[in-house]
Amino acid sequence: MILGRSERGKSPVEPVTLKILVAGGFGVGKTTLVGAVSEIRPLRTEELLTEAGRPVDDTSGVEGKHTTTVAMDFGRITLREDLVLYLFGTPGQERFWFMWDELSEGALGAVVLADTRRLEDCFAAIDYFERRSIPFLVGVNCFEGAPRYPAASVRQALDLDDDVPVVLTDARDRESVKEVLIGLVRHAMEYAADRRGAVAG
C-alpha cells in the first residue's frame, strides 16, 4: 500500500484510517498508553474494583490499582496527514475477553503490552492474535522498579517467533508510544505483503 501526500495547491488527501488494538494483562498499562498518545480526549470505560471482584481479579504486583477497564479504551492519533490510527484498548480480565472478538474485527494489528514482573499475563493475548493470524508487536512497559531485560531475553521467555517485534517502551510517554505504533504499522504491512507473496507463490 502506498500512502500519498497532498501536493501544494491540491486538495488534501483523504487520510487512511487504521484500527489498532492495545492488549495485555490486567494492570499492564493499556489505558495509560491510549491516554498518553491520543490527540482527542480518550473514551474510557473504567469502573472501580469491588469486593465482589476480589476472588477473580488478581491484583498481585499492581496492588495500587483501583479501577479496571470493563469494555474498552478508545483514542485517535494522526501519524501523518494521510494516516490516522484508531486505538482500541481491550479489557485485561478474563471475564471480559468475550469482547475481544468484537474489538478485533477489522484490526490491522495489535500491541501486546507486557510487564516483566508478570510476563505470564500476556500469554493469553499472544495466543489470541497468533491463532487468528493478526500481526502483533510486544511492547515491554518499563515500570519503575521492575527488572529490565533485553528484548531478546523477553522474546525467549515468551517463546515468540523471530519475526514478532519486541520493543521497550514507556506507556506514559507520547513519543515512546508513537514509536511503538509506527513499528506495529510497519510490521503489519510487511506481514500482509509476506502473506500475499505466499499466496501468489
N, C-alpha and C. Protein backbone atom coordinates (compact mmCIF):
# COMPACT_ATOMS: atom_id res chain seq x y z
N MET A 1 0.84 -1.16 0.00
CA MET A 1 0.00 0.00 0.00
C MET A 1 0.89 1.23 0.00
N ILE A 2 0.64 2.18 -0.89
CA ILE A 2 1.41 3.42 -0.97
C ILE A 2 0.52 4.53 -0.46
N LEU A 3 1.02 5.25 0.55
CA LEU A 3 0.24 6.33 1.13
C LEU A 3 0.76 7.64 0.58
N GLY A 4 -0.05 8.33 -0.20
CA GLY A 4 0.40 9.56 -0.84
C GLY A 4 0.15 10.78 0.01
N ARG A 5 0.92 11.81 -0.24
CA ARG A 5 0.74 13.08 0.45
C ARG A 5 0.09 14.06 -0.51
N SER A 6 -0.62 15.02 0.04
CA SER A 6 -1.21 16.04 -0.82
C SER A 6 -0.12 16.99 -1.29
N GLU A 7 -0.20 17.41 -2.54
CA GLU A 7 0.76 18.36 -3.07
C GLU A 7 0.22 19.77 -2.92
N ARG A 8 1.16 20.74 -2.89
CA ARG A 8 0.76 22.14 -2.71
C ARG A 8 -0.20 22.53 -3.84
N GLY A 9 -1.30 23.19 -3.44
CA GLY A 9 -2.25 23.64 -4.45
C GLY A 9 -3.34 22.62 -4.74
N LYS A 10 -3.17 21.41 -4.25
CA LYS A 10 -4.20 20.38 -4.46
C LYS A 10 -4.97 20.17 -3.17
N SER A 11 -6.21 19.68 -3.31
CA SER A 11 -6.98 19.44 -2.11
C SER A 11 -6.35 18.32 -1.28
N PRO A 12 -6.52 18.38 0.06
CA PRO A 12 -5.88 17.40 0.92
C PRO A 12 -6.33 15.97 0.61
N VAL A 13 -5.42 15.04 0.86
CA VAL A 13 -5.71 13.63 0.64
C VAL A 13 -6.60 13.13 1.78
N GLU A 14 -7.59 12.35 1.42
CA GLU A 14 -8.42 11.71 2.45
C GLU A 14 -7.54 10.73 3.22
N PRO A 15 -7.41 10.88 4.53
CA PRO A 15 -6.47 10.02 5.25
C PRO A 15 -6.91 8.56 5.29
N VAL A 16 -5.93 7.68 5.28
CA VAL A 16 -6.17 6.27 5.51
C VAL A 16 -6.34 6.09 7.02
N THR A 17 -7.40 5.40 7.43
CA THR A 17 -7.63 5.15 8.85
C THR A 17 -7.40 3.67 9.14
N LEU A 18 -6.66 3.40 10.19
CA LEU A 18 -6.32 2.04 10.56
C LEU A 18 -6.72 1.78 12.01
N LYS A 19 -7.19 0.58 12.26
CA LYS A 19 -7.62 0.20 13.60
C LYS A 19 -6.53 -0.63 14.27
N ILE A 20 -6.12 -0.21 15.46
CA ILE A 20 -5.08 -0.89 16.22
C ILE A 20 -5.63 -1.29 17.57
N LEU A 21 -5.34 -2.51 18.00
CA LEU A 21 -5.73 -2.96 19.33
C LEU A 21 -4.55 -2.81 20.29
N VAL A 22 -4.85 -2.51 21.53
CA VAL A 22 -3.85 -2.49 22.60
C VAL A 22 -4.32 -3.50 23.63
N ALA A 23 -3.56 -4.59 23.77
CA ALA A 23 -3.99 -5.71 24.60
C ALA A 23 -2.92 -6.05 25.62
N GLY A 24 -3.23 -6.99 26.49
CA GLY A 24 -2.29 -7.42 27.52
C GLY A 24 -3.03 -7.72 28.81
N GLY A 25 -2.29 -8.08 29.82
CA GLY A 25 -2.89 -8.47 31.09
C GLY A 25 -3.45 -7.31 31.88
N PHE A 26 -4.06 -7.65 32.99
CA PHE A 26 -4.67 -6.68 33.91
C PHE A 26 -3.58 -5.78 34.50
N GLY A 27 -3.79 -4.45 34.42
CA GLY A 27 -2.88 -3.51 35.05
C GLY A 27 -1.56 -3.31 34.36
N VAL A 28 -1.47 -3.67 33.06
CA VAL A 28 -0.18 -3.58 32.37
C VAL A 28 0.08 -2.21 31.76
N GLY A 29 -0.96 -1.36 31.69
CA GLY A 29 -0.75 0.00 31.18
C GLY A 29 -1.48 0.33 29.89
N LYS A 30 -2.48 -0.45 29.53
CA LYS A 30 -3.19 -0.22 28.27
C LYS A 30 -3.92 1.12 28.26
N THR A 31 -4.66 1.41 29.33
CA THR A 31 -5.38 2.68 29.43
C THR A 31 -4.40 3.86 29.43
N THR A 32 -3.30 3.70 30.13
CA THR A 32 -2.27 4.74 30.17
C THR A 32 -1.70 5.00 28.79
N LEU A 33 -1.41 3.94 28.04
CA LEU A 33 -0.83 4.08 26.70
C LEU A 33 -1.78 4.84 25.78
N VAL A 34 -3.04 4.44 25.76
CA VAL A 34 -4.01 5.11 24.89
C VAL A 34 -4.13 6.59 25.27
N GLY A 35 -4.18 6.86 26.56
CA GLY A 35 -4.32 8.23 27.02
C GLY A 35 -3.09 9.08 26.72
N ALA A 36 -1.91 8.48 26.76
CA ALA A 36 -0.66 9.22 26.55
C ALA A 36 -0.53 9.72 25.12
N VAL A 37 -1.09 8.97 24.17
CA VAL A 37 -0.83 9.29 22.77
C VAL A 37 -2.03 9.86 22.04
N SER A 38 -3.23 9.72 22.60
CA SER A 38 -4.44 10.15 21.90
C SER A 38 -4.50 11.67 21.77
N GLU A 39 -4.86 12.13 20.56
CA GLU A 39 -4.99 13.57 20.33
C GLU A 39 -6.40 14.07 20.66
N ILE A 40 -7.29 13.16 20.97
CA ILE A 40 -8.61 13.52 21.47
C ILE A 40 -8.70 13.03 22.92
N ARG A 41 -9.67 13.55 23.63
CA ARG A 41 -9.86 13.04 24.99
C ARG A 41 -10.29 11.58 24.89
N PRO A 42 -9.50 10.65 25.44
CA PRO A 42 -9.83 9.24 25.24
C PRO A 42 -11.14 8.84 25.91
N LEU A 43 -11.85 7.95 25.24
CA LEU A 43 -13.05 7.36 25.83
C LEU A 43 -12.58 6.22 26.72
N ARG A 44 -13.02 6.23 27.96
CA ARG A 44 -12.62 5.18 28.90
C ARG A 44 -13.86 4.56 29.51
N THR A 45 -13.80 3.26 29.75
CA THR A 45 -14.92 2.57 30.40
C THR A 45 -14.37 1.88 31.65
N GLU A 46 -13.85 2.70 32.55
CA GLU A 46 -13.25 2.16 33.77
C GLU A 46 -14.27 2.18 34.91
N GLU A 47 -14.20 1.14 35.72
CA GLU A 47 -15.03 1.05 36.92
C GLU A 47 -14.13 0.71 38.11
N LEU A 48 -14.57 1.07 39.29
CA LEU A 48 -13.82 0.75 40.49
C LEU A 48 -13.81 -0.75 40.73
N LEU A 49 -12.68 -1.26 41.18
CA LEU A 49 -12.62 -2.65 41.61
C LEU A 49 -13.46 -2.79 42.87
N THR A 50 -14.17 -3.91 42.97
CA THR A 50 -15.08 -4.10 44.10
C THR A 50 -14.69 -5.33 44.90
N GLU A 51 -15.26 -5.44 46.08
CA GLU A 51 -15.04 -6.62 46.91
C GLU A 51 -15.54 -7.88 46.19
N ALA A 52 -16.65 -7.72 45.44
CA ALA A 52 -17.22 -8.88 44.74
C ALA A 52 -16.24 -9.43 43.70
N GLY A 53 -15.42 -8.54 43.12
CA GLY A 53 -14.48 -8.99 42.11
C GLY A 53 -13.17 -9.48 42.66
N ARG A 54 -12.95 -9.34 43.98
CA ARG A 54 -11.67 -9.70 44.57
C ARG A 54 -11.25 -11.15 44.29
N PRO A 55 -12.17 -12.12 44.35
CA PRO A 55 -11.75 -13.50 44.10
C PRO A 55 -11.26 -13.76 42.66
N VAL A 56 -11.69 -12.94 41.69
CA VAL A 56 -11.31 -13.19 40.29
C VAL A 56 -10.32 -12.17 39.74
N ASP A 57 -10.14 -11.04 40.42
CA ASP A 57 -9.20 -10.02 39.96
C ASP A 57 -7.89 -10.16 40.70
N ASP A 58 -6.87 -10.67 40.02
CA ASP A 58 -5.57 -10.84 40.64
C ASP A 58 -4.81 -9.53 40.60
N THR A 59 -4.71 -8.86 41.75
CA THR A 59 -4.02 -7.57 41.80
C THR A 59 -2.60 -7.69 42.32
N SER A 60 -2.08 -8.92 42.43
CA SER A 60 -0.70 -9.07 42.89
C SER A 60 0.24 -8.41 41.89
N GLY A 61 1.12 -7.58 42.40
CA GLY A 61 2.03 -6.83 41.53
C GLY A 61 1.48 -5.48 41.13
N VAL A 62 0.17 -5.29 41.26
CA VAL A 62 -0.45 -3.99 40.94
C VAL A 62 -1.42 -3.62 42.06
N GLU A 63 -0.93 -3.72 43.29
CA GLU A 63 -1.79 -3.51 44.45
C GLU A 63 -2.37 -2.10 44.50
N GLY A 64 -1.71 -1.13 43.87
CA GLY A 64 -2.20 0.24 43.87
C GLY A 64 -3.30 0.52 42.86
N LYS A 65 -3.66 -0.49 42.07
CA LYS A 65 -4.67 -0.30 41.02
C LYS A 65 -6.07 -0.42 41.63
N HIS A 66 -6.91 0.59 41.38
CA HIS A 66 -8.25 0.61 41.99
C HIS A 66 -9.37 0.60 40.95
N THR A 67 -9.02 0.71 39.65
CA THR A 67 -10.04 0.69 38.60
C THR A 67 -9.66 -0.33 37.54
N THR A 68 -10.63 -0.69 36.73
CA THR A 68 -10.37 -1.63 35.64
C THR A 68 -11.25 -1.29 34.43
N THR A 69 -10.72 -1.55 33.24
CA THR A 69 -11.48 -1.34 32.01
C THR A 69 -12.49 -2.47 31.85
N VAL A 70 -13.75 -2.13 31.66
CA VAL A 70 -14.78 -3.16 31.55
C VAL A 70 -15.31 -3.32 30.12
N ALA A 71 -14.98 -2.42 29.23
CA ALA A 71 -15.40 -2.56 27.83
C ALA A 71 -14.21 -2.29 26.92
N MET A 72 -13.78 -1.03 26.85
CA MET A 72 -12.63 -0.69 26.02
C MET A 72 -12.18 0.73 26.34
N ASP A 73 -10.96 1.03 25.89
CA ASP A 73 -10.49 2.41 25.83
C ASP A 73 -10.45 2.77 24.35
N PHE A 74 -10.68 4.04 24.03
CA PHE A 74 -10.64 4.45 22.63
C PHE A 74 -9.91 5.77 22.52
N GLY A 75 -8.99 5.84 21.54
CA GLY A 75 -8.27 7.08 21.27
C GLY A 75 -7.93 7.17 19.80
N ARG A 76 -7.40 8.34 19.40
CA ARG A 76 -7.04 8.55 18.00
C ARG A 76 -5.73 9.32 17.93
N ILE A 77 -4.89 8.95 16.96
CA ILE A 77 -3.65 9.69 16.73
C ILE A 77 -3.40 9.81 15.24
N THR A 78 -3.04 11.00 14.79
CA THR A 78 -2.66 11.22 13.40
C THR A 78 -1.15 11.11 13.30
N LEU A 79 -0.68 10.07 12.63
CA LEU A 79 0.77 9.89 12.48
C LEU A 79 1.32 10.77 11.37
N ARG A 80 0.53 10.92 10.30
CA ARG A 80 0.86 11.82 9.19
C ARG A 80 -0.46 12.38 8.69
N GLU A 81 -0.40 13.38 7.82
CA GLU A 81 -1.65 13.96 7.32
C GLU A 81 -2.51 12.94 6.59
N ASP A 82 -1.88 11.84 6.13
CA ASP A 82 -2.63 10.85 5.37
C ASP A 82 -2.77 9.52 6.11
N LEU A 83 -2.45 9.50 7.42
CA LEU A 83 -2.50 8.25 8.17
C LEU A 83 -2.99 8.50 9.59
N VAL A 84 -4.18 7.99 9.90
CA VAL A 84 -4.78 8.15 11.22
C VAL A 84 -4.99 6.77 11.84
N LEU A 85 -4.59 6.63 13.10
CA LEU A 85 -4.79 5.37 13.81
C LEU A 85 -5.90 5.54 14.84
N TYR A 86 -6.82 4.57 14.87
CA TYR A 86 -7.81 4.49 15.92
C TYR A 86 -7.37 3.39 16.88
N LEU A 87 -7.24 3.73 18.14
CA LEU A 87 -6.72 2.80 19.14
C LEU A 87 -7.84 2.26 20.01
N PHE A 88 -7.89 0.95 20.14
CA PHE A 88 -8.90 0.30 20.99
C PHE A 88 -8.17 -0.52 22.04
N GLY A 89 -8.25 -0.08 23.30
CA GLY A 89 -7.66 -0.84 24.39
C GLY A 89 -8.63 -1.90 24.86
N THR A 90 -8.17 -3.13 24.93
CA THR A 90 -9.04 -4.24 25.32
C THR A 90 -9.06 -4.39 26.84
N PRO A 91 -10.15 -4.93 27.39
CA PRO A 91 -10.16 -5.23 28.83
C PRO A 91 -9.18 -6.36 29.14
N GLY A 92 -8.54 -6.29 30.30
CA GLY A 92 -7.49 -7.27 30.62
C GLY A 92 -7.97 -8.50 31.34
N GLN A 93 -9.10 -8.41 32.04
CA GLN A 93 -9.51 -9.56 32.84
C GLN A 93 -10.25 -10.60 32.00
N GLU A 94 -10.07 -11.84 32.41
CA GLU A 94 -10.60 -12.96 31.64
C GLU A 94 -12.11 -12.88 31.47
N ARG A 95 -12.82 -12.37 32.45
CA ARG A 95 -14.29 -12.36 32.35
C ARG A 95 -14.80 -11.38 31.31
N PHE A 96 -13.92 -10.51 30.79
CA PHE A 96 -14.32 -9.57 29.74
C PHE A 96 -13.76 -9.94 28.37
N TRP A 97 -13.11 -11.10 28.26
CA TRP A 97 -12.47 -11.48 27.00
C TRP A 97 -13.47 -11.70 25.87
N PHE A 98 -14.73 -11.92 26.20
CA PHE A 98 -15.73 -12.12 25.13
C PHE A 98 -15.80 -10.90 24.21
N MET A 99 -15.35 -9.75 24.69
CA MET A 99 -15.38 -8.53 23.87
C MET A 99 -14.27 -8.47 22.84
N TRP A 100 -13.24 -9.30 23.01
CA TRP A 100 -12.08 -9.22 22.12
C TRP A 100 -12.45 -9.51 20.67
N ASP A 101 -13.32 -10.48 20.43
CA ASP A 101 -13.70 -10.82 19.05
C ASP A 101 -14.33 -9.62 18.36
N GLU A 102 -15.17 -8.91 19.09
CA GLU A 102 -15.83 -7.72 18.53
C GLU A 102 -14.80 -6.63 18.24
N LEU A 103 -13.92 -6.39 19.20
CA LEU A 103 -12.93 -5.32 19.04
C LEU A 103 -11.90 -5.63 17.95
N SER A 104 -11.58 -6.90 17.76
CA SER A 104 -10.53 -7.24 16.79
C SER A 104 -11.02 -7.24 15.34
N GLU A 105 -12.32 -7.15 15.14
CA GLU A 105 -12.87 -7.15 13.79
C GLU A 105 -12.30 -5.97 12.99
N GLY A 106 -11.62 -6.27 11.88
CA GLY A 106 -11.08 -5.24 11.00
C GLY A 106 -9.80 -4.59 11.48
N ALA A 107 -9.18 -5.13 12.53
CA ALA A 107 -7.95 -4.52 13.05
C ALA A 107 -6.75 -4.81 12.15
N LEU A 108 -5.91 -3.81 11.95
CA LEU A 108 -4.66 -4.01 11.20
C LEU A 108 -3.69 -4.85 12.01
N GLY A 109 -3.66 -4.65 13.31
CA GLY A 109 -2.72 -5.37 14.16
C GLY A 109 -2.93 -4.98 15.61
N ALA A 110 -2.02 -5.45 16.47
CA ALA A 110 -2.17 -5.23 17.90
C ALA A 110 -0.82 -4.98 18.57
N VAL A 111 -0.88 -4.17 19.60
CA VAL A 111 0.24 -4.02 20.52
C VAL A 111 -0.10 -4.85 21.76
N VAL A 112 0.75 -5.82 22.09
CA VAL A 112 0.57 -6.58 23.32
C VAL A 112 1.53 -6.00 24.35
N LEU A 113 0.98 -5.35 25.37
CA LEU A 113 1.82 -4.78 26.42
C LEU A 113 2.21 -5.86 27.41
N ALA A 114 3.46 -5.82 27.85
CA ALA A 114 3.97 -6.80 28.79
C ALA A 114 4.64 -6.10 29.96
N ASP A 115 4.53 -6.71 31.13
CA ASP A 115 5.19 -6.24 32.35
C ASP A 115 6.15 -7.35 32.76
N THR A 116 7.44 -7.05 32.88
CA THR A 116 8.43 -8.11 33.16
C THR A 116 8.20 -8.77 34.51
N ARG A 117 7.46 -8.11 35.41
CA ARG A 117 7.16 -8.72 36.71
C ARG A 117 6.07 -9.77 36.60
N ARG A 118 5.28 -9.71 35.50
CA ARG A 118 4.15 -10.63 35.33
C ARG A 118 4.03 -11.00 33.85
N LEU A 119 5.12 -11.51 33.28
CA LEU A 119 5.11 -11.82 31.85
C LEU A 119 4.03 -12.81 31.47
N GLU A 120 3.72 -13.72 32.39
CA GLU A 120 2.73 -14.76 32.08
C GLU A 120 1.36 -14.16 31.77
N ASP A 121 1.11 -12.92 32.22
CA ASP A 121 -0.19 -12.30 31.99
C ASP A 121 -0.45 -11.94 30.53
N CYS A 122 0.60 -11.90 29.71
CA CYS A 122 0.36 -11.53 28.30
C CYS A 122 0.29 -12.75 27.38
N PHE A 123 0.46 -13.95 27.94
CA PHE A 123 0.38 -15.15 27.10
C PHE A 123 -0.97 -15.29 26.41
N ALA A 124 -2.04 -14.97 27.12
CA ALA A 124 -3.39 -15.13 26.54
C ALA A 124 -3.56 -14.23 25.32
N ALA A 125 -3.06 -12.99 25.41
CA ALA A 125 -3.18 -12.07 24.27
C ALA A 125 -2.33 -12.55 23.10
N ILE A 126 -1.11 -13.00 23.37
CA ILE A 126 -0.24 -13.50 22.31
C ILE A 126 -0.89 -14.68 21.61
N ASP A 127 -1.43 -15.60 22.40
CA ASP A 127 -2.09 -16.78 21.84
C ASP A 127 -3.30 -16.37 20.99
N TYR A 128 -4.06 -15.39 21.47
CA TYR A 128 -5.25 -14.93 20.75
C TYR A 128 -4.88 -14.44 19.35
N PHE A 129 -3.87 -13.57 19.26
CA PHE A 129 -3.51 -12.99 17.97
C PHE A 129 -2.80 -14.00 17.06
N GLU A 130 -2.02 -14.88 17.64
CA GLU A 130 -1.38 -15.93 16.83
C GLU A 130 -2.43 -16.83 16.19
N ARG A 131 -3.43 -17.25 16.96
CA ARG A 131 -4.47 -18.15 16.46
C ARG A 131 -5.29 -17.51 15.34
N ARG A 132 -5.45 -16.21 15.39
CA ARG A 132 -6.27 -15.51 14.39
C ARG A 132 -5.45 -14.86 13.29
N SER A 133 -4.16 -15.13 13.29
CA SER A 133 -3.24 -14.56 12.27
C SER A 133 -3.35 -13.04 12.19
N ILE A 134 -3.45 -12.40 13.34
CA ILE A 134 -3.43 -10.94 13.42
C ILE A 134 -2.02 -10.53 13.81
N PRO A 135 -1.34 -9.73 12.99
CA PRO A 135 0.03 -9.35 13.33
C PRO A 135 0.06 -8.53 14.62
N PHE A 136 1.10 -8.77 15.42
CA PHE A 136 1.21 -8.04 16.68
C PHE A 136 2.68 -7.77 17.01
N LEU A 137 2.85 -6.82 17.89
CA LEU A 137 4.15 -6.43 18.40
C LEU A 137 4.06 -6.48 19.92
N VAL A 138 5.13 -6.88 20.58
CA VAL A 138 5.15 -6.90 22.04
C VAL A 138 5.89 -5.65 22.52
N GLY A 139 5.18 -4.83 23.30
CA GLY A 139 5.78 -3.65 23.91
C GLY A 139 6.00 -3.91 25.39
N VAL A 140 7.25 -3.92 25.80
CA VAL A 140 7.57 -4.16 27.21
C VAL A 140 7.48 -2.82 27.95
N ASN A 141 6.46 -2.67 28.77
CA ASN A 141 6.24 -1.43 29.51
C ASN A 141 7.23 -1.37 30.67
N CYS A 142 8.13 -0.41 30.63
CA CYS A 142 9.22 -0.33 31.62
C CYS A 142 8.75 0.40 32.88
N PHE A 143 8.12 -0.35 33.76
CA PHE A 143 7.65 0.22 35.03
C PHE A 143 8.84 0.54 35.93
N GLU A 144 8.68 1.59 36.75
CA GLU A 144 9.73 1.92 37.73
C GLU A 144 9.86 0.78 38.73
N GLY A 145 11.09 0.37 38.96
CA GLY A 145 11.34 -0.69 39.92
C GLY A 145 11.22 -2.09 39.35
N ALA A 146 10.74 -2.21 38.12
CA ALA A 146 10.62 -3.54 37.50
C ALA A 146 11.97 -3.95 36.93
N PRO A 147 12.30 -5.24 36.94
CA PRO A 147 13.56 -5.69 36.34
C PRO A 147 13.61 -5.34 34.85
N ARG A 148 14.76 -4.90 34.36
CA ARG A 148 14.94 -4.58 32.94
C ARG A 148 15.68 -5.73 32.27
N TYR A 149 15.15 -6.18 31.16
CA TYR A 149 15.76 -7.27 30.40
C TYR A 149 15.87 -6.84 28.94
N PRO A 150 16.89 -7.32 28.24
CA PRO A 150 16.98 -7.02 26.80
C PRO A 150 15.79 -7.62 26.07
N ALA A 151 15.45 -7.02 24.92
CA ALA A 151 14.32 -7.51 24.12
C ALA A 151 14.50 -8.98 23.76
N ALA A 152 15.74 -9.40 23.50
CA ALA A 152 16.00 -10.80 23.12
C ALA A 152 15.62 -11.75 24.25
N SER A 153 15.86 -11.35 25.49
CA SER A 153 15.51 -12.20 26.64
C SER A 153 14.00 -12.30 26.80
N VAL A 154 13.30 -11.19 26.57
CA VAL A 154 11.83 -11.21 26.65
C VAL A 154 11.27 -12.10 25.55
N ARG A 155 11.84 -11.99 24.35
CA ARG A 155 11.39 -12.82 23.22
C ARG A 155 11.51 -14.31 23.58
N GLN A 156 12.65 -14.67 24.17
CA GLN A 156 12.88 -16.07 24.52
C GLN A 156 11.90 -16.52 25.61
N ALA A 157 11.69 -15.67 26.61
CA ALA A 157 10.78 -16.03 27.71
C ALA A 157 9.35 -16.22 27.22
N LEU A 158 8.96 -15.44 26.20
CA LEU A 158 7.59 -15.53 25.66
C LEU A 158 7.49 -16.53 24.51
N ASP A 159 8.62 -17.11 24.12
CA ASP A 159 8.65 -18.09 23.03
C ASP A 159 8.03 -17.53 21.75
N LEU A 160 8.48 -16.32 21.38
CA LEU A 160 7.94 -15.65 20.20
C LEU A 160 8.69 -16.04 18.94
N ASP A 161 7.99 -16.02 17.81
CA ASP A 161 8.64 -16.21 16.52
C ASP A 161 9.62 -15.07 16.28
N ASP A 162 10.65 -15.33 15.47
CA ASP A 162 11.70 -14.34 15.22
C ASP A 162 11.17 -13.07 14.56
N ASP A 163 10.06 -13.19 13.82
CA ASP A 163 9.58 -12.01 13.08
C ASP A 163 8.65 -11.11 13.91
N VAL A 164 8.34 -11.50 15.15
CA VAL A 164 7.49 -10.66 16.00
C VAL A 164 8.37 -9.61 16.69
N PRO A 165 8.13 -8.32 16.42
CA PRO A 165 8.96 -7.29 17.06
C PRO A 165 8.73 -7.23 18.57
N VAL A 166 9.81 -7.01 19.31
CA VAL A 166 9.75 -6.77 20.75
C VAL A 166 10.46 -5.45 21.02
N VAL A 167 9.77 -4.49 21.63
CA VAL A 167 10.36 -3.18 21.88
C VAL A 167 10.13 -2.77 23.33
N LEU A 168 11.07 -2.03 23.88
CA LEU A 168 10.93 -1.48 25.22
C LEU A 168 10.24 -0.12 25.10
N THR A 169 9.30 0.16 26.00
CA THR A 169 8.55 1.40 25.90
C THR A 169 8.17 1.92 27.27
N ASP A 170 7.70 3.15 27.30
CA ASP A 170 7.14 3.75 28.49
C ASP A 170 5.74 4.21 28.12
N ALA A 171 4.72 3.50 28.62
CA ALA A 171 3.34 3.77 28.22
C ALA A 171 2.87 5.17 28.62
N ARG A 172 3.63 5.87 29.45
CA ARG A 172 3.26 7.23 29.86
C ARG A 172 3.79 8.29 28.90
N ASP A 173 4.74 7.90 28.05
CA ASP A 173 5.47 8.85 27.22
C ASP A 173 4.96 8.84 25.78
N ARG A 174 4.45 9.98 25.32
CA ARG A 174 3.83 10.07 23.99
C ARG A 174 4.79 9.65 22.88
N GLU A 175 6.01 10.15 22.90
CA GLU A 175 6.95 9.84 21.82
C GLU A 175 7.33 8.36 21.82
N SER A 176 7.50 7.80 23.00
CA SER A 176 7.81 6.37 23.10
C SER A 176 6.68 5.52 22.53
N VAL A 177 5.45 5.89 22.86
CA VAL A 177 4.29 5.15 22.36
C VAL A 177 4.15 5.31 20.84
N LYS A 178 4.40 6.52 20.34
CA LYS A 178 4.32 6.75 18.89
C LYS A 178 5.28 5.81 18.15
N GLU A 179 6.49 5.63 18.68
CA GLU A 179 7.45 4.73 18.04
C GLU A 179 6.94 3.30 18.01
N VAL A 180 6.28 2.90 19.08
CA VAL A 180 5.69 1.55 19.13
C VAL A 180 4.62 1.41 18.04
N LEU A 181 3.76 2.41 17.92
CA LEU A 181 2.68 2.34 16.93
C LEU A 181 3.22 2.34 15.50
N ILE A 182 4.24 3.16 15.25
CA ILE A 182 4.86 3.18 13.92
C ILE A 182 5.48 1.82 13.61
N GLY A 183 6.14 1.23 14.62
CA GLY A 183 6.73 -0.10 14.45
C GLY A 183 5.68 -1.15 14.14
N LEU A 184 4.52 -1.05 14.80
CA LEU A 184 3.44 -2.01 14.53
C LEU A 184 2.91 -1.86 13.12
N VAL A 185 2.69 -0.62 12.66
CA VAL A 185 2.17 -0.41 11.30
C VAL A 185 3.14 -1.00 10.28
N ARG A 186 4.43 -0.75 10.46
CA ARG A 186 5.43 -1.32 9.54
C ARG A 186 5.38 -2.85 9.55
N HIS A 187 5.34 -3.41 10.75
CA HIS A 187 5.31 -4.87 10.88
C HIS A 187 4.05 -5.45 10.22
N ALA A 188 2.91 -4.82 10.44
CA ALA A 188 1.65 -5.31 9.87
C ALA A 188 1.66 -5.26 8.35
N MET A 189 2.26 -4.19 7.79
CA MET A 189 2.32 -4.08 6.33
C MET A 189 3.26 -5.13 5.75
N GLU A 190 4.39 -5.38 6.43
CA GLU A 190 5.31 -6.43 5.97
C GLU A 190 4.64 -7.80 6.08
N TYR A 191 3.90 -8.01 7.15
CA TYR A 191 3.19 -9.27 7.36
C TYR A 191 2.18 -9.51 6.24
N ALA A 192 1.44 -8.45 5.88
CA ALA A 192 0.45 -8.57 4.81
C ALA A 192 1.13 -8.85 3.47
N ALA A 193 2.25 -8.18 3.22
CA ALA A 193 2.98 -8.38 1.97
C ALA A 193 3.52 -9.82 1.88
N ASP A 194 4.03 -10.33 3.00
CA ASP A 194 4.54 -11.70 3.03
C ASP A 194 3.42 -12.71 2.76
N ARG A 195 2.25 -12.46 3.31
CA ARG A 195 1.13 -13.38 3.08
C ARG A 195 0.65 -13.34 1.64
N ARG A 196 0.64 -12.12 1.06
CA ARG A 196 0.27 -12.03 -0.36
C ARG A 196 1.28 -12.77 -1.21
N GLY A 197 2.56 -12.63 -0.88
CA GLY A 197 3.60 -13.33 -1.63
C GLY A 197 3.47 -14.84 -1.52
N ALA A 198 3.12 -15.31 -0.32
CA ALA A 198 2.96 -16.76 -0.10
C ALA A 198 1.80 -17.30 -0.92
N VAL A 199 0.71 -16.52 -0.98
CA VAL A 199 -0.47 -16.94 -1.76
C VAL A 199 -0.13 -16.95 -3.26
N ALA A 200 0.57 -15.90 -3.71
CA ALA A 200 0.92 -15.81 -5.12
C ALA A 200 1.90 -16.90 -5.53
N GLY A 201 2.79 -17.27 -4.59
CA GLY A 201 3.80 -18.28 -4.89
C GLY A 201 3.22 -19.66 -4.89
